Structure formats: structure tokens, C-alpha cells
Amino acid sequence: MSAALRYSLLVITFAMLICAAVVLRLGASAAAEAPHVEFNADNIGPREIENLTSQSIPRDYGLAWQTMEQALDENRAGLLDGYFTGAARQDLKSRVVSQSKSGLHTRYEDRGHKLEAIFYAPAGDAMQLRDHAQVDGTATPTIH
């Protein structure tokens, strides 16, 4: 077998290993996809919602729930920093730390959200939302 052929086979094998690793990683990410969010802004006021904002709210809202679910399941409080602020972030972080010390983790089954925009401030800096969430959650001990 020539050196060029051996080198080609080595490169192809290496490429296949990389592809397999990527597929496995994507498969793990797909299992934790963001929950479905239906967004209704038909009755919002006093300001109308912009098209880009109406697209980003359900996306980011779903990602926030996904992040919270992962943080509580894996006891990783740092994951909460991307989507949560203030008292909500502090309360969730305290819960993660507390359940971690107790050897627990929380697993949510998120079956979706019906998110309704109620108020959008004239300056565009605040919005009130109502969520009709369908979730089930259980705290389970971590077994090693």
C-alpha cells in the first residue's frame, strides 16, 4: 500500500471520527430542545409590537425555560446567568445550591407555553406577559 493511500485512509478515518463525535453531540443537544411557545400579541397596548420583537420573545422565552430546566436537572447554577436577573435569578440559584447539597435534582417535563402579551410600554422598555404553561416537575435524588 502506497504512502499516499495510507495517508488518505488515515485522513478519511479521522474525518469519520470527527463526524461521529459531532453527531453524538448534536443528538445530546436535540434531546434538550427548547419548549414550544405560542405567542399572542393581538391585544397588546398601548404600543404595537415590532415584528423582530414578536419573533425574539417566544424564542428567548423558550430558551430561558430550557436553561432553567437544565440548570435544575444538572445542578449548574451558572447556566441561569444568561436569561435570568434580579430576584428570579437569585431564587433559582439558591434552589440549585440547596438541592445540590441535598443530593437532589429537579426534572421538568415541559409541554409548552401559551404566552400572551398584555402590556407594552410606550417607550418600549417594559412588557407584561401572561404564561399559560403546561409543566410537570419532580425532585429526585441523585444516585451515584
C-alpha atoms as a PDB file:
ATOM      1  CA  MET A   1       0.000   0.000   0.000  1.00  0.00           C
ATOM      2  CA  SER A   2       1.460   3.335  -1.010  1.00  0.00           C
ATOM      3  CA  ALA A   3       2.125   6.134   1.459  1.00  0.00           C
ATOM      4  CA  ALA A   4      -0.399   8.405  -0.284  1.00  0.00           C
ATOM      5  CA  LEU A   5      -3.141   5.780   0.020  1.00  0.00           C
ATOM      6  CA  ARG A   6      -2.325   5.157   3.705  1.00  0.00           C
ATOM      7  CA  TYR A   7      -2.380   8.901   4.358  1.00  0.00           C
ATOM      8  CA  SER A   8      -5.733   9.251   2.557  1.00  0.00           C
ATOM      9  CA  LEU A   9      -7.242   6.406   4.578  1.00  0.00           C
ATOM     10  CA  LEU A  10      -5.937   7.947   7.780  1.00  0.00           C
ATOM     11  CA  VAL A  11      -7.470  11.333   6.897  1.00  0.00           C
ATOM     12  CA  ILE A  12     -10.811   9.725   5.993  1.00  0.00           C
ATOM     13  CA  THR A  13     -10.858   7.721   9.238  1.00  0.00           C
ATOM     14  CA  PHE A  14     -10.066  10.845  11.260  1.00  0.00           C
ATOM     15  CA  ALA A  15     -12.820  12.784   9.457  1.00  0.00           C
ATOM     16  CA  MET A  16     -15.304   9.993  10.192  1.00  0.00           C
ATOM     17  CA  LEU A  17     -14.399  10.091  13.889  1.00  0.00           C
ATOM     18  CA  ILE A  18     -14.946  13.842  13.991  1.00  0.00           C
ATOM     19  CA  CYS A  19     -18.304  13.475  12.222  1.00  0.00           C
ATOM     20  CA  ALA A  20     -19.370  10.776  14.690  1.00  0.00           C
ATOM     21  CA  ALA A  21     -18.432  12.996  17.637  1.00  0.00           C
ATOM     22  CA  VAL A  22     -20.394  15.917  16.159  1.00  0.00           C
ATOM     23  CA  VAL A  23     -23.452  13.724  15.547  1.00  0.00           C
ATOM     24  CA  LEU A  24     -23.350  12.426  19.126  1.00  0.00           C
ATOM     25  CA  ARG A  25     -23.036  15.959  20.496  1.00  0.00           C
ATOM     26  CA  LEU A  26     -25.905  17.255  18.355  1.00  0.00           C
ATOM     27  CA  GLY A  27     -28.033  14.321  19.417  1.00  0.00           C
ATOM     28  CA  ALA A  28     -27.483  15.205  23.057  1.00  0.00           C
ATOM     29  CA  SER A  29     -28.414  18.833  22.369  1.00  0.00           C
ATOM     30  CA  ALA A  30     -31.529  17.897  20.410  1.00  0.00           C
ATOM     31  CA  ALA A  31     -32.862  15.923  23.365  1.00  0.00           C
ATOM     32  CA  ALA A  32     -32.917  19.163  25.354  1.00  0.00           C
ATOM     33  CA  GLU A  33     -34.550  21.390  22.775  1.00  0.00           C
ATOM     34  CA  ALA A  34     -36.425  24.489  23.816  1.00  0.00           C
ATOM     35  CA  PRO A  35     -40.115  24.029  24.619  1.00  0.00           C
ATOM     36  CA  HIS A  36     -42.804  25.114  22.180  1.00  0.00           C
ATOM     37  CA  VAL A  37     -44.041  28.664  22.833  1.00  0.00           C
ATOM     38  CA  GLU A  38     -47.199  30.039  21.225  1.00  0.00           C
ATOM     39  CA  PHE A  39     -47.080  33.834  21.340  1.00  0.00           C
ATOM     40  CA  ASN A  40     -50.141  36.066  21.056  1.00  0.00           C
ATOM     41  CA  ALA A  41     -49.753  39.837  20.957  1.00  0.00           C
ATOM     42  CA  ASP A  42     -53.122  40.664  19.379  1.00  0.00           C
ATOM     43  CA  ASN A  43     -54.439  42.632  22.380  1.00  0.00           C
ATOM     44  CA  ILE A  44     -51.223  44.362  23.412  1.00  0.00           C
ATOM     45  CA  GLY A  45     -51.175  48.063  24.138  1.00  0.00           C
ATOM     46  CA  PRO A  46     -50.657  50.917  24.281  1.00  0.00           C
ATOM     47  CA  ARG A  47     -47.731  50.361  21.901  1.00  0.00           C
ATOM     48  CA  GLU A  48     -47.763  47.966  18.962  1.00  0.00           C
ATOM     49  CA  ILE A  49     -45.148  45.243  18.965  1.00  0.00           C
ATOM     50  CA  GLU A  50     -42.413  45.277  16.328  1.00  0.00           C
ATOM     51  CA  ASN A  51     -42.021  42.267  14.028  1.00  0.00           C
ATOM     52  CA  LEU A  52     -38.495  41.435  15.216  1.00  0.00           C
ATOM     53  CA  THR A  53     -39.577  41.690  18.860  1.00  0.00           C
ATOM     54  CA  SER A  54     -42.549  39.396  18.263  1.00  0.00           C
ATOM     55  CA  GLN A  55     -40.149  36.804  16.834  1.00  0.00           C
ATOM     56  CA  SER A  56     -37.477  37.079  19.512  1.00  0.00           C
ATOM     57  CA  ILE A  57     -39.775  36.943  22.558  1.00  0.00           C
ATOM     58  CA  PRO A  58     -41.051  33.367  22.072  1.00  0.00           C
ATOM     59  CA  ARG A  59     -37.578  32.178  21.037  1.00  0.00           C
ATOM     60  CA  ASP A  60     -35.845  33.699  24.065  1.00  0.00           C
ATOM     61  CA  TYR A  61     -38.684  32.730  26.407  1.00  0.00           C
ATOM     62  CA  GLY A  62     -38.384  29.099  25.330  1.00  0.00           C
ATOM     63  CA  LEU A  63     -34.595  29.207  25.708  1.00  0.00           C
ATOM     64  CA  ALA A  64     -34.969  30.649  29.214  1.00  0.00           C
ATOM     65  CA  TRP A  65     -37.207  27.745  30.221  1.00  0.00           C
ATOM     66  CA  GLN A  66     -34.800  25.283  28.619  1.00  0.00           C
ATOM     67  CA  THR A  67     -31.891  26.861  30.522  1.00  0.00           C
ATOM     68  CA  MET A  68     -33.787  26.744  33.817  1.00  0.00           C
ATOM     69  CA  GLU A  69     -34.706  23.109  33.222  1.00  0.00           C
ATOM     70  CA  GLN A  70     -31.075  22.193  32.501  1.00  0.00           C
ATOM     71  CA  ALA A  71     -29.733  24.162  35.492  1.00  0.00           C
ATOM     72  CA  LEU A  72     -32.150  22.433  37.886  1.00  0.00           C
ATOM     73  CA  ASP A  73     -31.582  18.989  36.390  1.00  0.00           C
ATOM     74  CA  GLU A  74     -27.770  19.224  36.333  1.00  0.00           C
ATOM     75  CA  ASN A  75     -27.345  21.457  39.423  1.00  0.00           C
ATOM     76  CA  ARG A  76     -25.457  24.084  37.405  1.00  0.00           C
ATOM     77  CA  ALA A  77     -26.466  27.494  38.753  1.00  0.00           C
ATOM     78  CA  GLY A  78     -24.157  29.348  36.345  1.00  0.00           C
ATOM     79  CA  LEU A  79     -26.430  28.450  33.440  1.00  0.00           C
ATOM     80  CA  LEU A  80     -29.057  30.832  34.815  1.00  0.00           C
ATOM     81  CA  ASP A  81     -26.946  33.957  34.207  1.00  0.00           C
ATOM     82  CA  GLY A  82     -27.838  34.202  30.521  1.00  0.00           C
ATOM     83  CA  TYR A  83     -31.616  34.596  30.837  1.00  0.00           C
ATOM     84  CA  PHE A  84     -32.435  35.477  34.439  1.00  0.00           C
ATOM     85  CA  THR A  85     -31.802  38.615  36.508  1.00  0.00           C
ATOM     86  CA  GLY A  86     -32.568  40.002  39.925  1.00  0.00           C
ATOM     87  CA  ALA A  87     -34.699  38.100  42.398  1.00  0.00           C
ATOM     88  CA  ALA A  88     -35.652  35.390  39.895  1.00  0.00           C
ATOM     89  CA  ARG A  89     -32.009  34.513  39.267  1.00  0.00           C
ATOM     90  CA  GLN A  90     -31.151  34.611  42.968  1.00  0.00           C
ATOM     91  CA  ASP A  91     -34.119  32.405  43.921  1.00  0.00           C
ATOM     92  CA  LEU A  92     -33.316  29.854  41.227  1.00  0.00           C
ATOM     93  CA  LYS A  93     -29.609  29.816  42.120  1.00  0.00           C
ATOM     94  CA  SER A  94     -30.484  29.284  45.790  1.00  0.00           C
ATOM     95  CA  ARG A  95     -32.705  26.369  44.799  1.00  0.00           C
ATOM     96  CA  VAL A  96     -29.932  24.799  42.711  1.00  0.00           C
ATOM     97  CA  VAL A  97     -27.409  25.136  45.547  1.00  0.00           C
ATOM     98  CA  SER A  98     -29.875  23.785  48.113  1.00  0.00           C
ATOM     99  CA  GLN A  99     -30.922  20.769  46.082  1.00  0.00           C
ATOM    100  CA  SER A 100     -27.314  20.039  45.159  1.00  0.00           C
ATOM    101  CA  LYS A 101     -26.342  19.951  48.851  1.00  0.00           C
ATOM    102  CA  SER A 102     -29.241  17.566  49.472  1.00  0.00           C
ATOM    103  CA  GLY A 103     -28.250  15.281  46.604  1.00  0.00           C
ATOM    104  CA  LEU A 104     -31.372  16.133  44.602  1.00  0.00           C
ATOM    105  CA  HIS A 105     -32.055  17.446  41.150  1.00  0.00           C
ATOM    106  CA  THR A 106     -35.300  18.613  39.579  1.00  0.00           C
ATOM    107  CA  ARG A 107     -36.543  17.350  36.257  1.00  0.00           C
ATOM    108  CA  TYR A 108     -39.282  19.193  34.375  1.00  0.00           C
ATOM    109  CA  GLU A 109     -41.483  17.865  31.639  1.00  0.00           C
ATOM    110  CA  ASP A 110     -42.314  20.978  29.680  1.00  0.00           C
ATOM    111  CA  ARG A 111     -45.306  20.515  27.384  1.00  0.00           C
ATOM    112  CA  GLY A 112     -45.379  24.051  26.067  1.00  0.00           C
ATOM    113  CA  HIS A 113     -46.424  27.591  26.782  1.00  0.00           C
ATOM    114  CA  LYS A 114     -49.199  29.872  25.603  1.00  0.00           C
ATOM    115  CA  LEU A 115     -47.652  33.278  26.093  1.00  0.00           C
ATOM    116  CA  GLU A 116     -49.893  36.340  25.911  1.00  0.00           C
ATOM    117  CA  ALA A 117     -48.556  39.894  25.682  1.00  0.00           C
ATOM    118  CA  ILE A 118     -50.776  42.182  27.756  1.00  0.00           C
ATOM    119  CA  PHE A 119     -48.921  45.488  28.025  1.00  0.00           C
ATOM    120  CA  TYR A 120     -46.093  47.095  26.070  1.00  0.00           C
ATOM    121  CA  ALA A 121     -44.831  50.396  27.483  1.00  0.00           C
ATOM    122  CA  PRO A 122     -44.883  53.385  25.126  1.00  0.00           C
ATOM    123  CA  ALA A 123     -41.095  53.719  25.415  1.00  0.00           C
ATOM    124  CA  GLY A 124     -40.662  50.048  24.508  1.00  0.00           C
ATOM    125  CA  ASP A 125     -38.676  49.296  27.664  1.00  0.00           C
ATOM    126  CA  ALA A 126     -41.165  47.077  29.505  1.00  0.00           C
ATOM    127  CA  MET A 127     -43.668  44.390  28.600  1.00  0.00           C
ATOM    128  CA  GLN A 128     -46.113  42.402  30.686  1.00  0.00           C
ATOM    129  CA  LEU A 129     -46.640  38.783  29.656  1.00  0.00           C
ATOM    130  CA  ARG A 130     -49.015  36.074  30.880  1.00  0.00           C
ATOM    131  CA  ASP A 131     -47.930  32.449  30.519  1.00  0.00           C
ATOM    132  CA  HIS A 132     -50.296  29.502  30.479  1.00  0.00           C
ATOM    133  CA  ALA A 133     -47.575  26.886  30.995  1.00  0.00           C
ATOM    134  CA  GLN A 134     -48.042  23.143  30.932  1.00  0.00           C
ATOM    135  CA  VAL A 135     -45.232  21.666  33.049  1.00  0.00           C
ATOM    136  CA  ASP A 136     -44.714  18.801  35.446  1.00  0.00           C
ATOM    137  CA  GLY A 137     -41.758  18.732  37.790  1.00  0.00           C
ATOM    138  CA  THR A 138     -40.279  16.192  40.153  1.00  0.00           C
ATOM    139  CA  ALA A 139     -37.330  16.332  42.504  1.00  0.00           C
ATOM    140  CA  THR A 140     -35.373  13.111  42.536  1.00  0.00           C
ATOM    141  CA  PRO A 141     -32.302  12.007  44.457  1.00  0.00           C
ATOM    142  CA  THR A 142     -29.038  11.700  42.597  1.00  0.00           C
ATOM    143  CA  ILE A 143     -27.806   8.129  42.740  1.00  0.00           C
ATOM    144  CA  HIS A 144     -24.064   7.501  42.386  1.00  0.00           C
END
